[in-house]
PDB file of all heavy atoms in Angstrom:
ATOM      1  N   GLU A   1     -19.221  11.688  -6.332  1.00  0.00           N
ATOM      2  CA  GLU A   1     -19.674  13.070  -6.142  1.00  0.00           C
ATOM      3  C   GLU A   1     -19.461  13.522  -4.702  1.00  0.00           C
ATOM      4  O   GLU A   1     -19.028  14.658  -4.450  1.00  0.00           O
ATOM      5  CB  GLU A   1     -21.165  13.189  -6.509  1.00  0.00           C
ATOM      6  CG  GLU A   1     -21.428  13.278  -7.991  1.00  0.00           C
ATOM      7  CD  GLU A   1     -22.878  13.637  -8.273  1.00  0.00           C
ATOM      8  OE1 GLU A   1     -23.749  13.388  -7.392  1.00  0.00           O
ATOM      9  OE2 GLU A   1     -23.153  14.165  -9.364  1.00  0.00           O
ATOM     10  N   ILE A   2     -19.754  12.645  -3.751  1.00  0.00           N
ATOM     11  CA  ILE A   2     -19.572  12.976  -2.328  1.00  0.00           C
ATOM     12  C   ILE A   2     -18.088  13.208  -2.037  1.00  0.00           C
ATOM     13  O   ILE A   2     -17.717  14.179  -1.364  1.00  0.00           O
ATOM     14  CB  ILE A   2     -20.128  11.853  -1.428  1.00  0.00           C
ATOM     15  CG1 ILE A   2     -21.646  11.739  -1.595  1.00  0.00           C
ATOM     16  CG2 ILE A   2     -19.755  12.097   0.032  1.00  0.00           C
ATOM     17  CD1 ILE A   2     -22.238  10.513  -0.920  1.00  0.00           C
ATOM     18  N   LEU A   3     -17.248  12.330  -2.545  1.00  0.00           N
ATOM     19  CA  LEU A   3     -15.809  12.448  -2.317  1.00  0.00           C
ATOM     20  C   LEU A   3     -15.261  13.730  -2.933  1.00  0.00           C
ATOM     21  O   LEU A   3     -14.486  14.458  -2.295  1.00  0.00           O
ATOM     22  CB  LEU A   3     -15.097  11.233  -2.911  1.00  0.00           C
ATOM     23  CG  LEU A   3     -13.602  11.066  -2.605  1.00  0.00           C
ATOM     24  CD1 LEU A   3     -13.341  11.043  -1.103  1.00  0.00           C
ATOM     25  CD2 LEU A   3     -13.081   9.778  -3.254  1.00  0.00           C
ATOM     26  N   GLU A   4     -15.674  14.040  -4.133  1.00  0.00           N
ATOM     27  CA  GLU A   4     -15.212  15.263  -4.799  1.00  0.00           C
ATOM     28  C   GLU A   4     -15.712  16.505  -4.071  1.00  0.00           C
ATOM     29  O   GLU A   4     -15.004  17.519  -4.000  1.00  0.00           O
ATOM     30  CB  GLU A   4     -15.677  15.274  -6.253  1.00  0.00           C
ATOM     31  CG  GLU A   4     -14.928  14.279  -7.129  1.00  0.00           C
ATOM     32  CD  GLU A   4     -15.450  14.252  -8.556  1.00  0.00           C
ATOM     33  OE1 GLU A   4     -16.657  14.528  -8.752  1.00  0.00           O
ATOM     34  OE2 GLU A   4     -14.657  13.949  -9.464  1.00  0.00           O
ATOM     35  N   LYS A   5     -16.905  16.419  -3.508  1.00  0.00           N
ATOM     36  CA  LYS A   5     -17.435  17.559  -2.756  1.00  0.00           C
ATOM     37  C   LYS A   5     -16.592  17.826  -1.515  1.00  0.00           C
ATOM     38  O   LYS A   5     -16.258  18.976  -1.209  1.00  0.00           O
ATOM     39  CB  LYS A   5     -18.889  17.289  -2.364  1.00  0.00           C
ATOM     40  CG  LYS A   5     -19.548  18.468  -1.644  1.00  0.00           C
ATOM     41  CD  LYS A   5     -21.015  18.178  -1.339  1.00  0.00           C
ATOM     42  CE  LYS A   5     -21.655  19.351  -0.598  1.00  0.00           C
ATOM     43  NZ  LYS A   5     -23.079  19.078  -0.281  1.00  0.00           N
ATOM     44  N   TRP A   6     -16.241  16.746  -0.796  1.00  0.00           N
ATOM     45  CA  TRP A   6     -15.394  16.925   0.395  1.00  0.00           C
ATOM     46  C   TRP A   6     -14.031  17.508   0.016  1.00  0.00           C
ATOM     47  O   TRP A   6     -13.477  18.320   0.754  1.00  0.00           O
ATOM     48  CB  TRP A   6     -15.202  15.592   1.117  1.00  0.00           C
ATOM     49  CG  TRP A   6     -16.326  15.189   2.021  1.00  0.00           C
ATOM     50  CD1 TRP A   6     -17.140  14.116   1.906  1.00  0.00           C
ATOM     51  CD2 TRP A   6     -16.768  15.882   3.195  1.00  0.00           C
ATOM     52  NE1 TRP A   6     -18.063  14.075   2.921  1.00  0.00           N
ATOM     53  CE2 TRP A   6     -17.858  15.161   3.741  1.00  0.00           C
ATOM     54  CE3 TRP A   6     -16.349  17.055   3.848  1.00  0.00           C
ATOM     55  CZ2 TRP A   6     -18.519  15.566   4.893  1.00  0.00           C
ATOM     56  CZ3 TRP A   6     -17.015  17.457   5.001  1.00  0.00           C
ATOM     57  CH2 TRP A   6     -18.084  16.716   5.510  1.00  0.00           C
ATOM     58  N   TYR A   7     -13.512  17.109  -1.135  1.00  0.00           N
ATOM     59  CA  TYR A   7     -12.190  17.583  -1.571  1.00  0.00           C
ATOM     60  C   TYR A   7     -12.243  18.949  -2.251  1.00  0.00           C
ATOM     61  O   TYR A   7     -11.218  19.449  -2.733  1.00  0.00           O
ATOM     62  CB  TYR A   7     -11.537  16.553  -2.499  1.00  0.00           C
ATOM     63  CG  TYR A   7     -10.626  15.599  -1.752  1.00  0.00           C
ATOM     64  CD1 TYR A   7     -11.141  14.700  -0.823  1.00  0.00           C
ATOM     65  CD2 TYR A   7      -9.255  15.609  -1.950  1.00  0.00           C
ATOM     66  CE1 TYR A   7     -10.332  13.827  -0.130  1.00  0.00           C
ATOM     67  CE2 TYR A   7      -8.420  14.748  -1.255  1.00  0.00           C
ATOM     68  CZ  TYR A   7      -8.966  13.857  -0.339  1.00  0.00           C
ATOM     69  OH  TYR A   7      -8.143  13.002   0.350  1.00  0.00           O
ATOM     70  N   SER A   8     -13.410  19.558  -2.278  1.00  0.00           N
ATOM     71  CA  SER A   8     -13.521  20.901  -2.849  1.00  0.00           C
ATOM     72  C   SER A   8     -13.522  21.978  -1.765  1.00  0.00           C
ATOM     73  O   SER A   8     -13.615  23.158  -2.059  1.00  0.00           O
ATOM     74  CB  SER A   8     -14.819  21.018  -3.662  1.00  0.00           C
ATOM     75  OG  SER A   8     -15.962  20.973  -2.800  1.00  0.00           O
ATOM     76  N   LYS A   9     -13.383  21.557  -0.497  1.00  0.00           N
ATOM     77  CA  LYS A   9     -13.458  22.513   0.607  1.00  0.00           C
ATOM     78  C   LYS A   9     -12.367  22.248   1.631  1.00  0.00           C
ATOM     79  O   LYS A   9     -11.845  21.131   1.743  1.00  0.00           O
ATOM     80  CB  LYS A   9     -14.837  22.441   1.284  1.00  0.00           C
ATOM     81  CG  LYS A   9     -15.155  21.064   1.869  1.00  0.00           C
ATOM     82  CD  LYS A   9     -16.552  21.016   2.504  1.00  0.00           C
ATOM     83  CE  LYS A   9     -17.647  20.989   1.472  1.00  0.00           C
ATOM     84  NZ  LYS A   9     -18.982  20.761   2.066  1.00  0.00           N
ATOM     85  N   VAL A  10     -12.021  23.292   2.376  1.00  0.00           N
ATOM     86  CA  VAL A  10     -11.066  23.182   3.485  1.00  0.00           C
ATOM     87  C   VAL A  10     -11.729  23.801   4.708  1.00  0.00           C
ATOM     88  O   VAL A  10     -11.570  24.986   5.000  1.00  0.00           O
ATOM     89  CB  VAL A  10      -9.736  23.902   3.177  1.00  0.00           C
ATOM     90  CG1 VAL A  10      -8.750  23.698   4.329  1.00  0.00           C
ATOM     91  CG2 VAL A  10      -9.123  23.392   1.874  1.00  0.00           C
ATOM     92  N   PRO A  11     -12.498  23.027   5.451  1.00  0.00           N
ATOM     93  CA  PRO A  11     -13.223  23.569   6.609  1.00  0.00           C
ATOM     94  C   PRO A  11     -12.277  23.926   7.752  1.00  0.00           C
ATOM     95  O   PRO A  11     -11.169  23.388   7.862  1.00  0.00           O
ATOM     96  CB  PRO A  11     -14.150  22.418   7.005  1.00  0.00           C
ATOM     97  CG  PRO A  11     -13.480  21.195   6.499  1.00  0.00           C
ATOM     98  CD  PRO A  11     -12.770  21.597   5.242  1.00  0.00           C
ATOM     99  N   ASP A  12     -12.722  24.837   8.606  1.00  0.00           N
ATOM    100  CA  ASP A  12     -11.916  25.228   9.766  1.00  0.00           C
ATOM    101  C   ASP A  12     -11.678  24.033  10.680  1.00  0.00           C
ATOM    102  O   ASP A  12     -10.596  23.854  11.229  1.00  0.00           O
ATOM    103  CB  ASP A  12     -12.607  26.357  10.541  1.00  0.00           C
ATOM    104  CG  ASP A  12     -12.628  27.655   9.742  1.00  0.00           C
ATOM    105  OD1 ASP A  12     -11.741  27.829   8.888  1.00  0.00           O
ATOM    106  OD2 ASP A  12     -13.530  28.471   9.984  1.00  0.00           O
ATOM    107  N   ASP A  13     -12.714  23.222  10.865  1.00  0.00           N
ATOM    108  CA  ASP A  13     -12.606  22.003  11.656  1.00  0.00           C
ATOM    109  C   ASP A  13     -12.750  20.816  10.700  1.00  0.00           C
ATOM    110  O   ASP A  13     -13.824  20.582  10.134  1.00  0.00           O
ATOM    111  CB  ASP A  13     -13.700  21.963  12.721  1.00  0.00           C
ATOM    112  CG  ASP A  13     -13.569  20.753  13.642  1.00  0.00           C
ATOM    113  OD1 ASP A  13     -12.698  19.902  13.366  1.00  0.00           O
ATOM    114  OD2 ASP A  13     -14.338  20.664  14.609  1.00  0.00           O
ATOM    115  N   SER A  14     -11.659  20.083  10.526  1.00  0.00           N
ATOM    116  CA  SER A  14     -11.638  19.005   9.529  1.00  0.00           C
ATOM    117  C   SER A  14     -12.092  17.652  10.079  1.00  0.00           C
ATOM    118  O   SER A  14     -12.074  16.664   9.343  1.00  0.00           O
ATOM    119  CB  SER A  14     -10.222  18.860   8.963  1.00  0.00           C
ATOM    120  OG  SER A  14      -9.828  20.009   8.268  1.00  0.00           O
ATOM    121  N   ALA A  15     -12.475  17.596  11.325  1.00  0.00           N
ATOM    122  CA  ALA A  15     -12.770  16.302  11.950  1.00  0.00           C
ATOM    123  C   ALA A  15     -13.829  15.520  11.188  1.00  0.00           C
ATOM    124  O   ALA A  15     -13.657  14.320  10.902  1.00  0.00           O
ATOM    125  CB  ALA A  15     -13.201  16.510  13.397  1.00  0.00           C
ATOM    126  N   GLU A  16     -14.952  16.178  10.856  1.00  0.00           N
ATOM    127  CA  GLU A  16     -16.021  15.471  10.147  1.00  0.00           C
ATOM    128  C   GLU A  16     -15.560  15.068   8.751  1.00  0.00           C
ATOM    129  O   GLU A  16     -15.849  13.950   8.288  1.00  0.00           O
ATOM    130  CB  GLU A  16     -17.274  16.348  10.042  1.00  0.00           C
ATOM    131  CG  GLU A  16     -18.437  15.610   9.372  1.00  0.00           C
ATOM    132  CD  GLU A  16     -19.663  16.490   9.155  1.00  0.00           C
ATOM    133  OE1 GLU A  16     -19.596  17.699   9.457  1.00  0.00           O
ATOM    134  OE2 GLU A  16     -20.673  15.944   8.655  1.00  0.00           O
ATOM    135  N   LYS A  17     -14.854  15.963   8.074  1.00  0.00           N
ATOM    136  CA  LYS A  17     -14.354  15.661   6.733  1.00  0.00           C
ATOM    137  C   LYS A  17     -13.461  14.427   6.760  1.00  0.00           C
ATOM    138  O   LYS A  17     -13.612  13.510   5.934  1.00  0.00           O
ATOM    139  CB  LYS A  17     -13.582  16.857   6.190  1.00  0.00           C
ATOM    140  CG  LYS A  17     -12.938  16.621   4.830  1.00  0.00           C
ATOM    141  CD  LYS A  17     -12.158  17.836   4.364  1.00  0.00           C
ATOM    142  CE  LYS A  17     -11.472  17.577   3.039  1.00  0.00           C
ATOM    143  NZ  LYS A  17     -10.726  18.749   2.547  1.00  0.00           N
ATOM    144  N   ILE A  18     -12.540  14.389   7.708  1.00  0.00           N
ATOM    145  CA  ILE A  18     -11.617  13.255   7.815  1.00  0.00           C
ATOM    146  C   ILE A  18     -12.396  11.967   8.065  1.00  0.00           C
ATOM    147  O   ILE A  18     -12.149  10.938   7.434  1.00  0.00           O
ATOM    148  CB  ILE A  18     -10.587  13.501   8.934  1.00  0.00           C
ATOM    149  CG1 ILE A  18      -9.642  14.643   8.535  1.00  0.00           C
ATOM    150  CG2 ILE A  18      -9.794  12.231   9.224  1.00  0.00           C
ATOM    151  CD1 ILE A  18      -8.764  15.137   9.669  1.00  0.00           C
ATOM    152  N   GLN A  19     -13.354  12.033   8.968  1.00  0.00           N
ATOM    153  CA  GLN A  19     -14.152  10.844   9.295  1.00  0.00           C
ATOM    154  C   GLN A  19     -14.926  10.342   8.087  1.00  0.00           C
ATOM    155  O   GLN A  19     -14.938   9.127   7.799  1.00  0.00           O
ATOM    156  CB  GLN A  19     -15.114  11.172  10.438  1.00  0.00           C
ATOM    157  CG  GLN A  19     -15.982   9.992  10.859  1.00  0.00           C
ATOM    158  CD  GLN A  19     -16.986  10.372  11.943  1.00  0.00           C
ATOM    159  OE1 GLN A  19     -17.020  11.503  12.410  1.00  0.00           O
ATOM    160  NE2 GLN A  19     -17.810   9.416  12.333  1.00  0.00           N
ATOM    161  N   GLN A  20     -15.567  11.259   7.359  1.00  0.00           N
ATOM    162  CA  GLN A  20     -16.390  10.860   6.211  1.00  0.00           C
ATOM    163  C   GLN A  20     -15.536  10.314   5.065  1.00  0.00           C
ATOM    164  O   GLN A  20     -15.897   9.310   4.436  1.00  0.00           O
ATOM    165  CB  GLN A  20     -17.217  12.061   5.722  1.00  0.00           C
ATOM    166  CG  GLN A  20     -18.278  12.538   6.691  1.00  0.00           C
ATOM    167  CD  GLN A  20     -19.348  11.490   6.945  1.00  0.00           C
ATOM    168  OE1 GLN A  20     -19.725  10.737   6.044  1.00  0.00           O
ATOM    169  NE2 GLN A  20     -19.833  11.422   8.180  1.00  0.00           N
ATOM    170  N   VAL A  21     -14.415  10.968   4.807  1.00  0.00           N
ATOM    171  CA  VAL A  21     -13.547  10.514   3.714  1.00  0.00           C
ATOM    172  C   VAL A  21     -12.909   9.169   4.060  1.00  0.00           C
ATOM    173  O   VAL A  21     -12.831   8.276   3.213  1.00  0.00           O
ATOM    174  CB  VAL A  21     -12.474  11.581   3.395  1.00  0.00           C
ATOM    175  CG1 VAL A  21     -11.429  11.025   2.429  1.00  0.00           C
ATOM    176  CG2 VAL A  21     -13.125  12.824   2.799  1.00  0.00           C
ATOM    177  N   LYS A  22     -12.479   9.011   5.310  1.00  0.00           N
ATOM    178  CA  LYS A  22     -11.918   7.722   5.725  1.00  0.00           C
ATOM    179  C   LYS A  22     -12.955   6.610   5.566  1.00  0.00           C
ATOM    180  O   LYS A  22     -12.616   5.479   5.178  1.00  0.00           O
ATOM    181  CB  LYS A  22     -11.454   7.786   7.186  1.00  0.00           C
ATOM    182  CG  LYS A  22     -10.120   8.491   7.382  1.00  0.00           C
ATOM    183  CD  LYS A  22      -9.699   8.492   8.844  1.00  0.00           C
ATOM    184  CE  LYS A  22      -9.393   7.116   9.367  1.00  0.00           C
ATOM    185  NZ  LYS A  22      -8.856   7.147  10.757  1.00  0.00           N
ATOM    186  N   SER A  23     -14.192   6.916   5.846  1.00  0.00           N
ATOM    187  CA  SER A  23     -15.259   5.925   5.698  1.00  0.00           C
ATOM    188  C   SER A  23     -15.398   5.493   4.236  1.00  0.00           C
ATOM    189  O   SER A  23     -15.563   4.307   3.937  1.00  0.00           O
ATOM    190  CB  SER A  23     -16.576   6.503   6.215  1.00  0.00           C
ATOM    191  OG  SER A  23     -17.631   5.585   6.038  1.00  0.00           O
ATOM    192  N   ILE A  24     -15.316   6.468   3.338  1.00  0.00           N
ATOM    193  CA  ILE A  24     -15.384   6.144   1.909  1.00  0.00           C
ATOM    194  C   ILE A  24     -14.175   5.306   1.496  1.00  0.00           C
ATOM    195  O   ILE A  24     -14.299   4.299   0.800  1.00  0.00           O
ATOM    196  CB  ILE A  24     -15.458   7.435   1.061  1.00  0.00           C
ATOM    197  CG1 ILE A  24     -16.790   8.156   1.306  1.00  0.00           C
ATOM    198  CG2 ILE A  24     -15.272   7.129  -0.429  1.00  0.00           C
ATOM    199  CD1 ILE A  24     -16.877   9.529   0.665  1.00  0.00           C
ATOM    200  N   PHE A  25     -12.988   5.730   1.932  1.00  0.00           N
ATOM    201  CA  PHE A  25     -11.778   4.967   1.629  1.00  0.00           C
ATOM    202  C   PHE A  25     -11.915   3.514   2.101  1.00  0.00           C
ATOM    203  O   PHE A  25     -11.564   2.579   1.386  1.00  0.00           O
ATOM    204  CB  PHE A  25     -10.559   5.598   2.307  1.00  0.00           C
ATOM    205  CG  PHE A  25     -10.066   6.881   1.682  1.00  0.00           C
ATOM    206  CD1 PHE A  25      -9.060   7.620   2.316  1.00  0.00           C
ATOM    207  CD2 PHE A  25     -10.581   7.355   0.492  1.00  0.00           C
ATOM    208  CE1 PHE A  25      -8.591   8.790   1.759  1.00  0.00           C
ATOM    209  CE2 PHE A  25     -10.126   8.536  -0.071  1.00  0.00           C
ATOM    210  CZ  PHE A  25      -9.121   9.260   0.564  1.00  0.00           C
ATOM    211  N   SER A  26     -12.445   3.355   3.304  1.00  0.00           N
ATOM    212  CA  SER A  26     -12.579   2.008   3.868  1.00  0.00           C
ATOM    213  C   SER A  26     -13.562   1.165   3.064  1.00  0.00           C
ATOM    214  O   SER A  26     -13.314  -0.022   2.799  1.00  0.00           O
ATOM    215  CB  SER A  26     -13.026   2.083   5.326  1.00  0.00           C
ATOM    216  OG  SER A  26     -12.037   2.687   6.130  1.00  0.00           O
ATOM    217  N   SER A  27     -14.679   1.776   2.681  1.00  0.00           N
ATOM    218  CA  SER A  27     -15.697   1.030   1.935  1.00  0.00           C
ATOM    219  C   SER A  27     -15.196   0.573   0.577  1.00  0.00           C
ATOM    220  O   SER A  27     -15.660  -0.437   0.035  1.00  0.00           O
ATOM    221  CB  SER A  27     -16.957   1.889   1.761  1.00  0.00           C
ATOM    222  OG  SER A  27     -16.717   2.963   0.861  1.00  0.00           O
ATOM    223  N   LEU A  28     -14.226   1.308   0.032  1.00  0.00           N
ATOM    224  CA  LEU A  28     -13.677   0.977  -1.292  1.00  0.00           C
ATOM    225  C   LEU A  28     -12.347   0.240  -1.193  1.00  0.00           C
ATOM    226  O   LEU A  28     -11.650   0.064  -2.199  1.00  0.00           O
ATOM    227  CB  LEU A  28     -13.515   2.266  -2.112  1.00  0.00           C
ATOM    228  CG  LEU A  28     -14.829   2.991  -2.427  1.00  0.00           C
ATOM    229  CD1 LEU A  28     -14.562   4.368  -3.013  1.00  0.00           C
ATOM    230  CD2 LEU A  28     -15.681   2.153  -3.381  1.00  0.00           C
ATOM    231  N   LYS A  29     -12.014  -0.184   0.036  1.00  0.00           N
ATOM    232  CA  LYS A  29     -10.793  -0.963   0.283  1.00  0.00           C
ATOM    233  C   LYS A  29      -9.529  -0.272  -0.223  1.00  0.00           C
ATOM    234  O   LYS A  29      -8.607  -0.903  -0.757  1.00  0.00           O
ATOM    235  CB  LYS A  29     -10.921  -2.360  -0.333  1.00  0.00           C
ATOM    236  CG  LYS A  29     -12.096  -3.158   0.224  1.00  0.00           C
ATOM    237  CD  LYS A  29     -12.065  -4.588  -0.236  1.00  0.00           C
ATOM    238  CE  LYS A  29     -13.258  -5.380   0.310  1.00  0.00           C
ATOM    239  NZ  LYS A  29     -13.340  -5.342   1.784  1.00  0.00           N
ATOM    240  N   ALA A  30      -9.491   1.046  -0.028  1.00  0.00           N
ATOM    241  CA  ALA A  30      -8.335   1.815  -0.479  1.00  0.00           C
ATOM    242  C   ALA A  30      -7.078   1.459   0.297  1.00  0.00           C
ATOM    243  O   ALA A  30      -5.974   1.422  -0.259  1.00  0.00           O
ATOM    244  CB  ALA A  30      -8.624   3.310  -0.360  1.00  0.00           C
ATOM    245  N   ALA A  31      -7.229   1.188   1.599  1.00  0.00           N
ATOM    246  CA  ALA A  31      -6.060   0.830   2.411  1.00  0.00           C
ATOM    247  C   ALA A  31      -5.473  -0.498   1.952  1.00  0.00           C
ATOM    248  O   ALA A  31      -4.252  -0.655   1.854  1.00  0.00           O
ATOM    249  CB  ALA A  31      -6.444   0.762   3.883  1.00  0.00           C
ATOM    250  N   GLU A  32      -6.356  -1.464   1.663  1.00  0.00           N
ATOM    251  CA  GLU A  32      -5.880  -2.770   1.205  1.00  0.00           C
ATOM    252  C   GLU A  32      -5.166  -2.653  -0.139  1.00  0.00           C
ATOM    253  O   GLU A  32      -4.131  -3.305  -0.363  1.00  0.00           O
ATOM    254  CB  GLU A  32      -7.057  -3.746   1.096  1.00  0.00           C
ATOM    255  CG  GLU A  32      -7.653  -4.170   2.422  1.00  0.00           C
ATOM    256  CD  GLU A  32      -8.702  -3.194   2.953  1.00  0.00           C
ATOM    257  OE1 GLU A  32      -8.792  -2.062   2.433  1.00  0.00           O
ATOM    258  OE2 GLU A  32      -9.428  -3.578   3.883  1.00  0.00           O
ATOM    259  N   LYS A  33      -5.705  -1.831  -1.037  1.00  0.00           N
ATOM    260  CA  LYS A  33      -5.091  -1.654  -2.347  1.00  0.00           C
ATOM    261  C   LYS A  33      -3.734  -0.955  -2.214  1.00  0.00           C
ATOM    262  O   LYS A  33      -2.775  -1.311  -2.919  1.00  0.00           O
ATOM    263  CB  LYS A  33      -6.014  -0.833  -3.253  1.00  0.00           C
ATOM    264  CG  LYS A  33      -5.530  -0.753  -4.687  1.00  0.00           C
ATOM    265  CD  LYS A  33      -5.561  -2.104  -5.371  1.00  0.00           C
ATOM    266  CE  LYS A  33      -5.180  -2.004  -6.836  1.00  0.00           C
ATOM    267  NZ  LYS A  33      -5.167  -3.330  -7.509  1.00  0.00           N
ATOM    268  N   THR A  34      -3.657   0.011  -1.301  1.00  0.00           N
ATOM    269  CA  THR A  34      -2.387   0.696  -1.073  1.00  0.00           C
ATOM    270  C   THR A  34      -1.361  -0.278  -0.511  1.00  0.00           C
ATOM    271  O   THR A  34      -0.198  -0.296  -0.947  1.00  0.00           O
ATOM    272  CB  THR A  34      -2.583   1.879  -0.105  1.00  0.00           C
ATOM    273  OG1 THR A  34      -3.602   2.749  -0.607  1.00  0.00           O
ATOM    274  CG2 THR A  34      -1.287   2.676   0.053  1.00  0.00           C
ATOM    275  N   THR A  35      -1.776  -1.091   0.442  1.00  0.00           N
ATOM    276  CA  THR A  35      -0.873  -2.094   1.022  1.00  0.00           C
ATOM    277  C   THR A  35      -0.383  -3.068  -0.045  1.00  0.00           C
ATOM    278  O   THR A  35       0.795  -3.457  -0.051  1.00  0.00           O
ATOM    279  CB  THR A  35      -1.596  -2.868   2.138  1.00  0.00           C
ATOM    280  OG1 THR A  35      -1.989  -1.954   3.168  1.00  0.00           O
ATOM    281  CG2 THR A  35      -0.683  -3.929   2.742  1.00  0.00           C
ATOM    282  N   GLU A  36      -1.246  -3.418  -0.954  1.00  0.00           N
ATOM    283  CA  GLU A  36      -0.857  -4.304  -2.060  1.00  0.00           C
ATOM    284  C   GLU A  36       0.258  -3.670  -2.890  1.00  0.00           C
ATOM    285  O   GLU A  36       1.244  -4.334  -3.243  1.00  0.00           O
ATOM    286  CB  GLU A  36      -2.078  -4.583  -2.933  1.00  0.00           C
ATOM    287  CG  GLU A  36      -1.813  -5.457  -4.153  1.00  0.00           C
ATOM    288  CD  GLU A  36      -3.065  -5.587  -5.011  1.00  0.00           C
ATOM    289  OE1 GLU A  36      -4.121  -5.972  -4.463  1.00  0.00           O
ATOM    290  OE2 GLU A  36      -2.983  -5.287  -6.225  1.00  0.00           O
ATOM    291  N   GLN A  37       0.110  -2.390  -3.197  1.00  0.00           N
ATOM    292  CA  GLN A  37       1.139  -1.692  -3.974  1.00  0.00           C
ATOM    293  C   GLN A  37       2.440  -1.534  -3.179  1.00  0.00           C
ATOM    294  O   GLN A  37       3.536  -1.650  -3.731  1.00  0.00           O
ATOM    295  CB  GLN A  37       0.618  -0.325  -4.413  1.00  0.00           C
ATOM    296  CG  GLN A  37      -0.443  -0.368  -5.488  1.00  0.00           C
ATOM    297  CD  GLN A  37       0.087  -0.939  -6.796  1.00  0.00           C
ATOM    298  OE1 GLN A  37       1.107  -0.501  -7.316  1.00  0.00           O
ATOM    299  NE2 GLN A  37      -0.610  -1.932  -7.331  1.00  0.00           N
ATOM    300  N   ILE A  38       2.310  -1.258  -1.891  1.00  0.00           N
ATOM    301  CA  ILE A  38       3.496  -1.166  -1.028  1.00  0.00           C
ATOM    302  C   ILE A  38       4.307  -2.452  -1.124  1.00  0.00           C
ATOM    303  O   ILE A  38       5.527  -2.425  -1.301  1.00  0.00           O
ATOM    304  CB  ILE A  38       3.088  -0.897   0.438  1.00  0.00           C
ATOM    305  CG1 ILE A  38       2.539   0.522   0.593  1.00  0.00           C
ATOM    306  CG2 ILE A  38       4.265  -1.113   1.388  1.00  0.00           C
ATOM    307  CD1 ILE A  38       1.838   0.760   1.928  1.00  0.00           C
ATOM    308  N   ASN A  39       3.615  -3.570  -1.028  1.00  0.00           N
ATOM    309  CA  ASN A  39       4.289  -4.867  -1.054  1.00  0.00           C
ATOM    310  C   ASN A  39       4.887  -5.174  -2.425  1.00  0.00           C
ATOM    311  O   ASN A  39       5.960  -5.783  -2.521  1.00  0.00           O
ATOM    312  CB  ASN A  39       3.325  -5.969  -0.633  1.00  0.00           C
ATOM    313  CG  ASN A  39       2.980  -5.900   0.844  1.00  0.00           C
ATOM    314  OD1 ASN A  39       3.788  -5.453   1.650  1.00  0.00           O
ATOM    315  ND2 ASN A  39       1.780  -6.330   1.200  1.00  0.00           N
ATOM    316  N   ILE A  40       4.206  -4.759  -3.494  1.00  0.00           N
ATOM    317  CA  ILE A  40       4.728  -4.983  -4.847  1.00  0.00           C
ATOM    318  C   ILE A  40       6.075  -4.281  -5.022  1.00  0.00           C
ATOM    319  O   ILE A  40       7.060  -4.880  -5.491  1.00  0.00           O
ATOM    320  CB  ILE A  40       3.725  -4.490  -5.904  1.00  0.00           C
ATOM    321  CG1 ILE A  40       2.541  -5.456  -6.001  1.00  0.00           C
ATOM    322  CG2 ILE A  40       4.400  -4.338  -7.276  1.00  0.00           C
ATOM    323  CD1 ILE A  40       1.397  -4.956  -6.860  1.00  0.00           C
ATOM    324  N   TYR A  41       6.130  -3.003  -4.631  1.00  0.00           N
ATOM    325  CA  TYR A  41       7.380  -2.253  -4.807  1.00  0.00           C
ATOM    326  C   TYR A  41       8.452  -2.706  -3.828  1.00  0.00           C
ATOM    327  O   TYR A  41       9.643  -2.692  -4.150  1.00  0.00           O
ATOM    328  CB  TYR A  41       7.113  -0.749  -4.698  1.00  0.00           C
ATOM    329  CG  TYR A  41       6.533  -0.189  -5.970  1.00  0.00           C
ATOM    330  CD1 TYR A  41       5.158  -0.005  -6.107  1.00  0.00           C
ATOM    331  CD2 TYR A  41       7.348   0.107  -7.058  1.00  0.00           C
ATOM    332  CE1 TYR A  41       4.614   0.475  -7.294  1.00  0.00           C
ATOM    333  CE2 TYR A  41       6.812   0.587  -8.248  1.00  0.00           C
ATOM    334  CZ  TYR A  41       5.450   0.764  -8.363  1.00  0.00           C
ATOM    335  OH  TYR A  41       4.919   1.225  -9.539  1.00  0.00           O
TER     336      TYR A  41
END
């Protein structure tokens, strides 16, 4: 819900949005999963 809320808006200053979304990505190991797919292909 938090992630979808951030992706429902385009604020004038995106700094906080970027920080919060990156934090969610990190907690869910999105970078590691992406790297795994990069290596597979």
